[in-house]
Amino acid sequence: MIHLDRPANAIRKLLRQLRRPHLLARDPLALRLREALNASTCREAIELLVDRTFAGDIVGERLREILVRCDLQGQKATAAAGGMHLSLRQFFRCRSDAMEALAVAIEQLETRAAGSTLSEPSLYCAHCHQPIAGRRLRMEETS
């Protein structure tokens, strides 16, 4: 399991290094992500992680778009907020939520890989980080 001592700081640093590929290629967290996701580059691993974290979630699509615009495409926060029709205050709230969801996804990454041999995968909410599928299935089986 990948454990982040200071999740918010670790995610900010990781995303900041997308603009400096020579530092990203040496970052221990980026290298572990590349190995865990079987990606060819650290940048590809981060892109894959962002896509997987917010896949299939309507609310998560906004969070994904914020990360794509600012971190992957390099837009300034004011331009991204304007393009998404958000106030800067709301934009930064959503950005904080997106980083928190990424931190949870990273911490659960190796757990999911190890637990993939189990018949019942766990799904987690991008906002509250609680398991949603595993409990519901077990409750329905007992009824």
Protein backbone atom coordinates (compact mmCIF):
# COMPACT_ATOMS: atom_id res chain seq x y z
CA MET A 1 0.00 0.00 0.00
CA ILE A 2 1.29 3.45 -0.89
CA HIS A 3 1.15 5.59 2.24
CA LEU A 4 1.30 9.37 1.96
CA ASP A 5 2.55 11.19 5.07
CA ARG A 6 1.01 14.51 4.03
CA PRO A 7 -1.44 13.64 1.27
CA ALA A 8 -2.25 17.21 0.16
CA ASN A 9 1.40 18.19 -0.05
CA ALA A 10 2.40 14.99 -1.83
CA ILE A 11 -0.31 15.44 -4.48
CA ARG A 12 0.53 19.12 -5.01
CA LYS A 13 4.20 18.26 -5.45
CA LEU A 14 3.41 15.42 -7.84
CA LEU A 15 1.15 17.59 -9.99
CA ARG A 16 3.62 20.50 -9.93
CA GLN A 17 6.32 18.21 -11.29
CA LEU A 18 4.28 17.50 -14.41
CA ARG A 19 5.71 20.80 -15.69
CA ARG A 20 9.25 19.59 -14.94
CA PRO A 21 9.59 16.10 -16.44
CA HIS A 22 13.21 15.67 -15.33
CA LEU A 23 12.11 15.97 -11.69
CA LEU A 24 9.03 13.83 -12.21
CA ALA A 25 11.16 10.99 -13.59
CA ARG A 26 13.11 10.91 -10.29
CA ASP A 27 10.23 11.36 -7.88
CA PRO A 28 9.75 8.20 -5.73
CA LEU A 29 5.94 8.50 -5.67
CA ALA A 30 5.75 8.98 -9.44
CA LEU A 31 8.00 5.95 -9.97
CA ARG A 32 5.81 3.80 -7.69
CA LEU A 33 2.71 4.94 -9.57
CA ARG A 34 4.35 4.07 -12.88
CA GLU A 35 5.11 0.57 -11.62
CA ALA A 36 1.70 0.04 -9.99
CA LEU A 37 -0.18 1.14 -13.12
CA ASN A 38 2.20 -0.52 -15.60
CA ALA A 39 2.66 2.76 -17.47
CA SER A 40 5.59 3.56 -19.72
CA THR A 41 6.19 7.04 -18.20
CA CYS A 42 5.41 8.76 -14.94
CA ARG A 43 3.26 11.34 -16.74
CA GLU A 44 1.23 8.57 -18.37
CA ALA A 45 0.74 6.97 -14.95
CA ILE A 46 -0.61 10.22 -13.51
CA GLU A 47 -2.95 10.72 -16.48
CA LEU A 48 -4.20 7.16 -16.06
CA LEU A 49 -4.70 7.66 -12.33
CA VAL A 50 -6.72 10.84 -12.90
CA ASP A 51 -8.91 9.08 -15.47
CA ARG A 52 -9.48 6.04 -13.24
CA THR A 53 -10.17 8.07 -10.12
CA PHE A 54 -13.01 10.05 -11.65
CA ALA A 55 -14.35 7.56 -14.20
CA GLY A 56 -18.09 7.03 -14.26
CA ASP A 57 -18.84 9.73 -11.72
CA ILE A 58 -20.85 12.75 -12.91
CA VAL A 59 -19.68 14.98 -10.05
CA GLY A 60 -16.15 13.63 -10.44
CA GLU A 61 -16.09 14.78 -14.05
CA ARG A 62 -15.80 18.39 -12.88
CA LEU A 63 -12.94 17.45 -10.57
CA ARG A 64 -11.23 15.58 -13.39
CA GLU A 65 -11.65 18.56 -15.73
CA ILE A 66 -9.98 20.86 -13.20
CA LEU A 67 -6.94 18.58 -12.95
CA VAL A 68 -6.75 18.12 -16.71
CA ARG A 69 -7.01 21.85 -17.45
CA CYS A 70 -4.60 23.08 -14.79
CA ASP A 71 -2.09 20.31 -14.31
CA LEU A 72 -2.04 18.30 -17.51
CA GLN A 73 -2.69 21.14 -19.97
CA GLY A 74 -1.06 23.93 -17.94
CA GLN A 75 -3.92 26.46 -17.88
CA LYS A 76 -3.91 29.18 -15.25
CA ALA A 77 -6.53 28.87 -12.53
CA THR A 78 -8.37 32.01 -13.62
CA ALA A 79 -8.66 30.81 -17.22
CA ALA A 80 -9.77 27.32 -16.16
CA ALA A 81 -12.34 28.70 -13.71
CA GLY A 82 -13.70 31.06 -16.36
CA GLY A 83 -13.87 28.30 -18.95
CA MET A 84 -15.79 26.11 -16.51
CA HIS A 85 -18.09 28.96 -15.40
CA LEU A 86 -16.96 28.75 -11.77
CA SER A 87 -15.97 31.47 -9.35
CA LEU A 88 -12.34 31.28 -8.24
CA ARG A 89 -13.49 30.40 -4.76
CA GLN A 90 -15.61 27.47 -5.97
CA PHE A 91 -12.84 26.45 -8.36
CA PHE A 92 -10.30 26.14 -5.56
CA ARG A 93 -12.77 24.24 -3.37
CA CYS A 94 -13.29 21.73 -6.17
CA ARG A 95 -9.55 21.57 -6.80
CA SER A 96 -8.96 20.73 -3.16
CA ASP A 97 -11.57 17.96 -3.37
CA ALA A 98 -9.91 16.62 -6.52
CA MET A 99 -6.52 16.44 -4.82
CA GLU A 100 -8.01 14.69 -1.81
CA ALA A 101 -9.71 12.13 -4.06
CA LEU A 102 -6.39 11.53 -5.86
CA ALA A 103 -4.63 11.01 -2.54
CA VAL A 104 -7.21 8.41 -1.49
CA ALA A 105 -6.95 6.71 -4.88
CA ILE A 106 -3.16 6.51 -4.57
CA GLU A 107 -3.35 5.08 -1.06
CA GLN A 108 -5.83 2.44 -2.22
CA LEU A 109 -3.99 1.65 -5.43
CA GLU A 110 -1.86 -1.23 -4.18
CA THR A 111 -4.67 -2.50 -1.98
CA ARG A 112 -6.88 -2.82 -5.05
CA ALA A 113 -4.10 -4.51 -7.01
CA ALA A 114 -3.57 -7.05 -4.23
CA GLY A 115 -7.31 -7.51 -3.74
CA SER A 116 -8.03 -7.97 -7.44
CA THR A 117 -7.79 -11.71 -6.96
CA LEU A 118 -10.83 -11.53 -4.68
CA SER A 119 -14.20 -12.09 -6.29
CA GLU A 120 -15.75 -8.88 -4.94
CA PRO A 121 -13.93 -5.59 -5.72
CA SER A 122 -14.44 -2.59 -3.47
CA LEU A 123 -15.63 0.70 -4.92
CA TYR A 124 -15.12 3.97 -3.09
CA CYS A 125 -16.98 7.26 -3.34
CA ALA A 126 -14.79 10.03 -4.78
CA HIS A 127 -16.18 12.52 -2.27
CA CYS A 128 -16.62 10.75 1.06
CA HIS A 129 -14.11 7.93 0.40
CA GLN A 130 -16.43 5.28 1.85
CA PRO A 131 -16.82 1.84 0.25
CA ILE A 132 -20.07 1.76 -1.68
CA ALA A 133 -20.32 -1.51 -3.62
CA GLY A 134 -18.91 -4.05 -1.18
CA ARG A 135 -21.26 -3.19 1.67
CA ARG A 136 -24.33 -2.91 -0.49
CA LEU A 137 -23.72 -6.30 -2.06
CA ARG A 138 -23.22 -7.96 1.29
CA MET A 139 -26.39 -6.33 2.66
CA GLU A 140 -28.44 -7.54 -0.33
CA GLU A 141 -27.11 -11.10 0.01
CA THR A 142 -28.19 -11.31 3.65
CA SER A 143 -31.71 -10.01 2.94
